[in-house]
Amino acid sequence: MAVDEIITFVKEKLKDIEVTAADISNMTILKKPAANQDHSQSAPKTPTLIVTFQRRAIRDRVLRGRRNLKGTHMSINENLTLANSRFISLSHKDTRIADIWSWNGKIYFTTVKGGTKRTANPFLSLDDQLEA
C-alpha cells in the first residue's frame, strides 16, 4: 500500500479531511498473517498499517474522523502502550462498559448505567475503577 492509497482512503472514508503526501512522515505495513496460520486466532485478515503524521492537527482530525467507519470492518486506532492496549481490549468485552476509547494516549470510558465520561487507569482493575 502506498501513501497515495492512504490519502485516497482518508478522502473517501473520513470525509472533509484533506491529507497530502507531505502530511505523512512514515508508513509501516505489518504483514498479513501466514496462509497456514490457524484462523481460529484473532489475526487480522488485512494488513495493519501504522501511519505517522507530520502534524498533530492532521493526526487529530483523522482520529476524530474514525467515527465515520462505524459499521464497516475498518478501524483507526492510536499507537498505544502495551498496558493501554491490553486494558482497552479486555474492558471492551465487559458488559458494564458502554464505550471505551483512547485520545492522546489516555483511556476514557462510559458505563452502561452511568453514561458519564471517565478516565481509566490501565494499572488498576476495572472492578476497582467502577467502584470509585
N, C-alpha and C. Protein backbone atom coordinates (compact mmCIF):
# COMPACT_ATOMS: atom_id res chain seq x y z
N MET A 1 0.86 -1.18 0.00
CA MET A 1 0.00 0.00 0.00
C MET A 1 0.90 1.23 0.00
N ALA A 2 0.56 2.16 -0.81
CA ALA A 2 1.37 3.37 -0.96
C ALA A 2 0.72 4.55 -0.24
N VAL A 3 1.48 5.60 -0.11
CA VAL A 3 0.98 6.82 0.51
C VAL A 3 -0.26 7.33 -0.22
N ASP A 4 -0.27 7.19 -1.54
CA ASP A 4 -1.44 7.63 -2.33
C ASP A 4 -2.71 6.89 -1.91
N GLU A 5 -2.58 5.61 -1.58
CA GLU A 5 -3.74 4.83 -1.15
C GLU A 5 -4.24 5.30 0.21
N ILE A 6 -3.34 5.68 1.09
CA ILE A 6 -3.74 6.22 2.39
C ILE A 6 -4.50 7.52 2.18
N ILE A 7 -3.99 8.38 1.33
CA ILE A 7 -4.64 9.67 1.04
C ILE A 7 -6.04 9.44 0.47
N THR A 8 -6.16 8.51 -0.46
CA THR A 8 -7.47 8.19 -1.06
C THR A 8 -8.42 7.65 0.00
N PHE A 9 -7.94 6.75 0.85
CA PHE A 9 -8.77 6.19 1.92
C PHE A 9 -9.31 7.30 2.81
N VAL A 10 -8.45 8.21 3.24
CA VAL A 10 -8.87 9.30 4.13
C VAL A 10 -9.92 10.17 3.43
N LYS A 11 -9.70 10.51 2.17
CA LYS A 11 -10.64 11.37 1.44
C LYS A 11 -11.99 10.69 1.26
N GLU A 12 -11.99 9.39 0.93
CA GLU A 12 -13.23 8.68 0.65
C GLU A 12 -13.99 8.28 1.91
N LYS A 13 -13.29 7.81 2.92
CA LYS A 13 -13.94 7.25 4.10
C LYS A 13 -14.14 8.24 5.24
N LEU A 14 -13.23 9.18 5.39
CA LEU A 14 -13.29 10.06 6.55
C LEU A 14 -13.92 11.41 6.25
N LYS A 15 -14.15 11.71 4.99
CA LYS A 15 -14.88 12.92 4.57
C LYS A 15 -14.31 14.20 5.15
N ASP A 16 -14.17 15.18 4.34
CA ASP A 16 -13.79 16.54 4.74
C ASP A 16 -12.44 16.65 5.42
N ILE A 17 -11.58 15.67 5.25
CA ILE A 17 -10.23 15.75 5.82
C ILE A 17 -9.25 15.74 4.65
N GLU A 18 -8.50 16.79 4.54
CA GLU A 18 -7.51 16.90 3.48
C GLU A 18 -6.16 16.43 3.99
N VAL A 19 -5.63 15.40 3.37
CA VAL A 19 -4.31 14.88 3.72
C VAL A 19 -3.48 14.84 2.44
N THR A 20 -2.26 15.30 2.53
CA THR A 20 -1.34 15.24 1.39
C THR A 20 -0.17 14.35 1.74
N ALA A 21 0.64 14.03 0.76
CA ALA A 21 1.83 13.21 0.99
C ALA A 21 2.78 13.90 1.98
N ALA A 22 2.80 15.22 1.96
CA ALA A 22 3.67 15.96 2.88
C ALA A 22 3.21 15.82 4.34
N ASP A 23 1.94 15.45 4.56
CA ASP A 23 1.42 15.28 5.91
C ASP A 23 1.83 13.95 6.55
N ILE A 24 2.29 13.01 5.72
CA ILE A 24 2.64 11.67 6.21
C ILE A 24 4.15 11.57 6.29
N SER A 25 4.66 11.37 7.50
CA SER A 25 6.11 11.29 7.66
C SER A 25 6.64 9.87 7.58
N ASN A 26 5.79 8.89 7.91
CA ASN A 26 6.23 7.50 7.88
C ASN A 26 5.03 6.58 7.77
N MET A 27 5.23 5.45 7.11
CA MET A 27 4.17 4.46 6.99
C MET A 27 4.81 3.08 7.06
N THR A 28 4.30 2.25 7.95
CA THR A 28 4.80 0.89 8.12
C THR A 28 3.65 -0.07 7.91
N ILE A 29 3.90 -1.12 7.16
CA ILE A 29 2.88 -2.14 6.91
C ILE A 29 3.28 -3.39 7.69
N LEU A 30 2.41 -3.81 8.59
CA LEU A 30 2.61 -5.08 9.29
C LEU A 30 2.02 -6.15 8.40
N LYS A 31 2.79 -7.18 8.14
CA LYS A 31 2.40 -8.19 7.16
C LYS A 31 1.11 -8.91 7.52
N LYS A 32 0.47 -9.41 6.47
CA LYS A 32 -0.71 -10.26 6.64
C LYS A 32 -0.29 -11.54 7.33
N PRO A 33 -1.24 -12.20 8.01
CA PRO A 33 -0.90 -13.48 8.64
C PRO A 33 -0.56 -14.52 7.57
N ALA A 34 0.28 -15.47 7.93
CA ALA A 34 0.66 -16.54 7.00
C ALA A 34 -0.56 -17.37 6.64
N ALA A 35 -0.56 -17.92 5.44
CA ALA A 35 -1.69 -18.70 4.95
C ALA A 35 -1.92 -19.96 5.76
N ASN A 36 -0.86 -20.52 6.33
CA ASN A 36 -1.00 -21.75 7.10
C ASN A 36 -1.29 -21.49 8.58
N GLN A 37 -1.49 -20.23 8.94
CA GLN A 37 -1.76 -19.90 10.35
C GLN A 37 -3.17 -20.37 10.73
N ASP A 38 -3.32 -20.77 11.97
CA ASP A 38 -4.62 -21.20 12.48
C ASP A 38 -5.58 -20.01 12.48
N HIS A 39 -6.65 -20.09 11.70
CA HIS A 39 -7.58 -18.97 11.57
C HIS A 39 -8.51 -18.81 12.76
N SER A 40 -8.44 -19.72 13.74
CA SER A 40 -9.26 -19.55 14.93
C SER A 40 -8.69 -18.45 15.82
N GLN A 41 -7.44 -18.09 15.60
CA GLN A 41 -6.86 -16.97 16.34
C GLN A 41 -7.41 -15.68 15.77
N SER A 42 -7.33 -14.63 16.54
CA SER A 42 -7.91 -13.37 16.09
C SER A 42 -6.90 -12.55 15.29
N ALA A 43 -6.33 -13.14 14.28
CA ALA A 43 -5.38 -12.42 13.43
C ALA A 43 -6.14 -11.59 12.40
N PRO A 44 -5.63 -10.42 12.07
CA PRO A 44 -6.32 -9.59 11.09
C PRO A 44 -6.30 -10.23 9.71
N LYS A 45 -7.37 -10.02 8.94
CA LYS A 45 -7.46 -10.57 7.59
C LYS A 45 -6.74 -9.66 6.60
N THR A 46 -6.57 -8.43 6.95
CA THR A 46 -5.86 -7.49 6.10
C THR A 46 -4.66 -6.95 6.89
N PRO A 47 -3.69 -6.41 6.18
CA PRO A 47 -2.52 -5.90 6.91
C PRO A 47 -2.87 -4.71 7.79
N THR A 48 -2.11 -4.54 8.82
CA THR A 48 -2.25 -3.38 9.70
C THR A 48 -1.26 -2.33 9.24
N LEU A 49 -1.73 -1.11 9.12
CA LEU A 49 -0.88 -0.01 8.70
C LEU A 49 -0.62 0.90 9.88
N ILE A 50 0.60 1.33 10.04
CA ILE A 50 0.93 2.32 11.05
C ILE A 50 1.39 3.56 10.29
N VAL A 51 0.63 4.63 10.46
CA VAL A 51 0.91 5.87 9.76
C VAL A 51 1.30 6.93 10.78
N THR A 52 2.40 7.60 10.53
CA THR A 52 2.85 8.70 11.38
C THR A 52 2.66 9.99 10.60
N PHE A 53 1.98 10.93 11.24
CA PHE A 53 1.70 12.21 10.59
C PHE A 53 2.69 13.26 11.03
N GLN A 54 2.96 14.21 10.15
CA GLN A 54 3.90 15.30 10.43
C GLN A 54 3.37 16.23 11.51
N ARG A 55 2.07 16.50 11.45
CA ARG A 55 1.48 17.48 12.36
C ARG A 55 0.38 16.84 13.20
N ARG A 56 0.35 17.23 14.46
CA ARG A 56 -0.65 16.71 15.39
C ARG A 56 -2.07 17.07 14.95
N ALA A 57 -2.25 18.24 14.36
CA ALA A 57 -3.59 18.67 13.93
C ALA A 57 -4.17 17.71 12.89
N ILE A 58 -3.36 17.25 11.96
CA ILE A 58 -3.82 16.28 10.95
C ILE A 58 -4.15 14.96 11.62
N ARG A 59 -3.26 14.50 12.49
CA ARG A 59 -3.49 13.24 13.21
C ARG A 59 -4.79 13.29 13.99
N ASP A 60 -5.03 14.41 14.67
CA ASP A 60 -6.26 14.55 15.46
C ASP A 60 -7.50 14.54 14.58
N ARG A 61 -7.42 15.20 13.42
CA ARG A 61 -8.58 15.19 12.52
C ARG A 61 -8.87 13.78 12.01
N VAL A 62 -7.82 13.04 11.69
CA VAL A 62 -8.00 11.65 11.23
C VAL A 62 -8.61 10.80 12.35
N LEU A 63 -8.10 10.96 13.57
CA LEU A 63 -8.65 10.18 14.69
C LEU A 63 -10.11 10.56 14.98
N ARG A 64 -10.44 11.83 14.86
CA ARG A 64 -11.84 12.23 15.06
C ARG A 64 -12.73 11.65 13.96
N GLY A 65 -12.19 11.54 12.76
CA GLY A 65 -12.95 11.03 11.63
C GLY A 65 -13.22 9.54 11.68
N ARG A 66 -12.57 8.82 12.60
CA ARG A 66 -12.78 7.38 12.68
C ARG A 66 -14.21 7.01 13.00
N ARG A 67 -14.98 7.95 13.51
CA ARG A 67 -16.40 7.69 13.78
C ARG A 67 -17.15 7.33 12.50
N ASN A 68 -16.68 7.85 11.38
CA ASN A 68 -17.31 7.56 10.09
C ASN A 68 -17.13 6.11 9.66
N LEU A 69 -16.29 5.37 10.35
CA LEU A 69 -16.03 3.97 9.99
C LEU A 69 -16.93 2.99 10.74
N LYS A 70 -17.79 3.50 11.64
CA LYS A 70 -18.68 2.60 12.37
C LYS A 70 -19.53 1.80 11.39
N GLY A 71 -19.64 0.52 11.65
CA GLY A 71 -20.43 -0.36 10.79
C GLY A 71 -19.62 -0.95 9.65
N THR A 72 -18.40 -0.51 9.46
CA THR A 72 -17.53 -1.10 8.45
C THR A 72 -16.60 -2.07 9.17
N HIS A 73 -15.78 -2.74 8.42
CA HIS A 73 -14.82 -3.66 9.04
C HIS A 73 -13.43 -3.02 9.08
N MET A 74 -13.42 -1.70 9.17
CA MET A 74 -12.16 -0.96 9.23
C MET A 74 -12.13 -0.17 10.52
N SER A 75 -10.92 0.09 10.99
CA SER A 75 -10.81 0.91 12.19
C SER A 75 -9.52 1.70 12.16
N ILE A 76 -9.51 2.76 12.93
CA ILE A 76 -8.32 3.59 13.09
C ILE A 76 -8.09 3.71 14.59
N ASN A 77 -6.89 3.42 15.01
CA ASN A 77 -6.55 3.47 16.42
C ASN A 77 -5.24 4.21 16.62
N GLU A 78 -5.09 4.72 17.82
CA GLU A 78 -3.80 5.30 18.19
C GLU A 78 -2.80 4.18 18.43
N ASN A 79 -1.55 4.49 18.30
CA ASN A 79 -0.49 3.55 18.64
C ASN A 79 -0.28 3.67 20.15
N LEU A 80 -0.83 2.73 20.91
CA LEU A 80 -0.84 2.80 22.37
C LEU A 80 0.25 1.95 22.99
N THR A 81 0.52 2.22 24.26
CA THR A 81 1.43 1.36 25.02
C THR A 81 0.77 0.00 25.18
N LEU A 82 1.56 -0.99 25.48
CA LEU A 82 1.03 -2.34 25.66
C LEU A 82 0.00 -2.38 26.79
N ALA A 83 0.26 -1.69 27.88
CA ALA A 83 -0.66 -1.68 29.02
C ALA A 83 -2.01 -1.07 28.61
N ASN A 84 -1.98 0.06 27.92
CA ASN A 84 -3.23 0.70 27.48
C ASN A 84 -3.98 -0.17 26.48
N SER A 85 -3.25 -0.74 25.56
CA SER A 85 -3.86 -1.59 24.54
C SER A 85 -4.55 -2.80 25.17
N ARG A 86 -3.89 -3.44 26.10
CA ARG A 86 -4.48 -4.61 26.77
C ARG A 86 -5.70 -4.21 27.60
N PHE A 87 -5.61 -3.09 28.28
CA PHE A 87 -6.73 -2.64 29.11
C PHE A 87 -7.97 -2.39 28.23
N ILE A 88 -7.79 -1.73 27.12
CA ILE A 88 -8.92 -1.46 26.22
C ILE A 88 -9.48 -2.77 25.68
N SER A 89 -8.61 -3.67 25.27
CA SER A 89 -9.05 -4.94 24.71
C SER A 89 -9.87 -5.75 25.70
N LEU A 90 -9.41 -5.83 26.93
CA LEU A 90 -10.13 -6.60 27.95
C LEU A 90 -11.41 -5.89 28.40
N SER A 91 -11.35 -4.59 28.55
CA SER A 91 -12.50 -3.84 29.05
C SER A 91 -13.60 -3.70 28.02
N HIS A 92 -13.22 -3.74 26.75
CA HIS A 92 -14.20 -3.59 25.67
C HIS A 92 -15.24 -4.71 25.72
N LYS A 93 -14.83 -5.87 26.21
CA LYS A 93 -15.72 -7.03 26.27
C LYS A 93 -16.60 -7.04 27.52
N ASP A 94 -16.31 -6.18 28.48
CA ASP A 94 -17.04 -6.14 29.74
C ASP A 94 -18.43 -5.57 29.51
N THR A 95 -19.46 -6.27 30.00
CA THR A 95 -20.85 -5.85 29.77
C THR A 95 -21.23 -4.58 30.52
N ARG A 96 -20.41 -4.18 31.48
CA ARG A 96 -20.70 -2.95 32.24
C ARG A 96 -20.23 -1.70 31.50
N ILE A 97 -19.42 -1.88 30.48
CA ILE A 97 -18.85 -0.76 29.72
C ILE A 97 -19.68 -0.50 28.47
N ALA A 98 -20.16 0.74 28.33
CA ALA A 98 -20.92 1.11 27.14
C ALA A 98 -19.98 1.43 25.98
N ASP A 99 -18.92 2.17 26.28
CA ASP A 99 -17.97 2.55 25.24
C ASP A 99 -16.61 2.81 25.89
N ILE A 100 -15.55 2.50 25.16
CA ILE A 100 -14.20 2.75 25.64
C ILE A 100 -13.36 3.17 24.45
N TRP A 101 -12.52 4.21 24.66
CA TRP A 101 -11.71 4.73 23.56
C TRP A 101 -10.47 5.40 24.12
N SER A 102 -9.56 5.72 23.23
CA SER A 102 -8.35 6.43 23.64
C SER A 102 -8.27 7.76 22.91
N TRP A 103 -7.63 8.71 23.55
CA TRP A 103 -7.38 10.01 22.93
C TRP A 103 -6.11 10.57 23.53
N ASN A 104 -5.14 10.85 22.68
CA ASN A 104 -3.84 11.37 23.11
C ASN A 104 -3.19 10.49 24.17
N GLY A 105 -3.31 9.19 24.00
CA GLY A 105 -2.67 8.24 24.90
C GLY A 105 -3.40 7.96 26.19
N LYS A 106 -4.51 8.64 26.43
CA LYS A 106 -5.31 8.39 27.64
C LYS A 106 -6.53 7.55 27.27
N ILE A 107 -7.01 6.79 28.23
CA ILE A 107 -8.17 5.93 28.00
C ILE A 107 -9.38 6.53 28.69
N TYR A 108 -10.49 6.54 27.99
CA TYR A 108 -11.76 7.04 28.52
C TYR A 108 -12.82 5.97 28.34
N PHE A 109 -13.82 5.98 29.22
CA PHE A 109 -14.91 5.03 29.08
C PHE A 109 -16.19 5.60 29.66
N THR A 110 -17.30 5.03 29.21
CA THR A 110 -18.61 5.31 29.81
C THR A 110 -19.20 3.96 30.21
N THR A 111 -19.96 3.98 31.29
CA THR A 111 -20.58 2.74 31.75
C THR A 111 -22.01 2.65 31.21
N VAL A 112 -22.53 1.46 31.22
CA VAL A 112 -23.89 1.25 30.76
C VAL A 112 -24.87 1.99 31.67
N LYS A 113 -24.62 1.99 32.97
CA LYS A 113 -25.52 2.64 33.93
C LYS A 113 -25.33 4.15 34.02
N GLY A 114 -24.08 4.59 34.14
CA GLY A 114 -23.81 6.00 34.41
C GLY A 114 -23.81 6.89 33.18
N GLY A 115 -23.11 6.48 32.16
CA GLY A 115 -23.05 7.25 30.93
C GLY A 115 -22.11 8.43 30.93
N THR A 116 -21.58 8.86 32.08
CA THR A 116 -20.66 9.99 32.08
C THR A 116 -19.25 9.52 31.72
N LYS A 117 -18.52 10.35 31.01
CA LYS A 117 -17.17 10.01 30.57
C LYS A 117 -16.23 10.00 31.77
N ARG A 118 -15.45 8.91 31.88
CA ARG A 118 -14.48 8.77 32.96
C ARG A 118 -13.12 8.42 32.36
N THR A 119 -12.07 8.81 33.06
CA THR A 119 -10.71 8.46 32.65
C THR A 119 -10.34 7.14 33.32
N ALA A 120 -9.71 6.26 32.55
CA ALA A 120 -9.32 4.95 33.08
C ALA A 120 -7.83 4.92 33.38
N ASN A 121 -7.47 4.11 34.35
CA ASN A 121 -6.08 3.86 34.69
C ASN A 121 -5.79 2.41 34.33
N PRO A 122 -4.93 2.14 33.35
CA PRO A 122 -4.70 0.76 32.92
C PRO A 122 -3.99 -0.10 33.96
N PHE A 123 -3.49 0.52 35.03
CA PHE A 123 -2.78 -0.23 36.06
C PHE A 123 -3.67 -0.61 37.23
N LEU A 124 -4.94 -0.20 37.19
CA LEU A 124 -5.93 -0.61 38.18
C LEU A 124 -6.94 -1.52 37.51
N SER A 125 -7.50 -2.43 38.28
CA SER A 125 -8.51 -3.32 37.68
C SER A 125 -9.76 -2.51 37.36
N LEU A 126 -10.50 -2.99 36.39
CA LEU A 126 -11.74 -2.33 36.01
C LEU A 126 -12.73 -2.34 37.17
N ASP A 127 -12.75 -3.41 37.95
CA ASP A 127 -13.62 -3.50 39.11
C ASP A 127 -13.34 -2.37 40.09
N ASP A 128 -12.07 -2.12 40.37
CA ASP A 128 -11.70 -1.03 41.28
C ASP A 128 -12.14 0.33 40.74
N GLN A 129 -12.03 0.52 39.46
CA GLN A 129 -12.38 1.80 38.87
C GLN A 129 -13.89 2.01 38.80
N LEU A 130 -14.63 0.94 38.69
CA LEU A 130 -16.10 1.06 38.63
C LEU A 130 -16.67 1.29 40.02
N GLU A 131 -15.97 0.86 41.07
CA GLU A 131 -16.43 1.07 42.44
C GLU A 131 -16.25 2.52 42.86
N ALA A 132 -15.24 3.17 42.33
CA ALA A 132 -14.91 4.55 42.74
C ALA A 132 -15.96 5.55 42.27
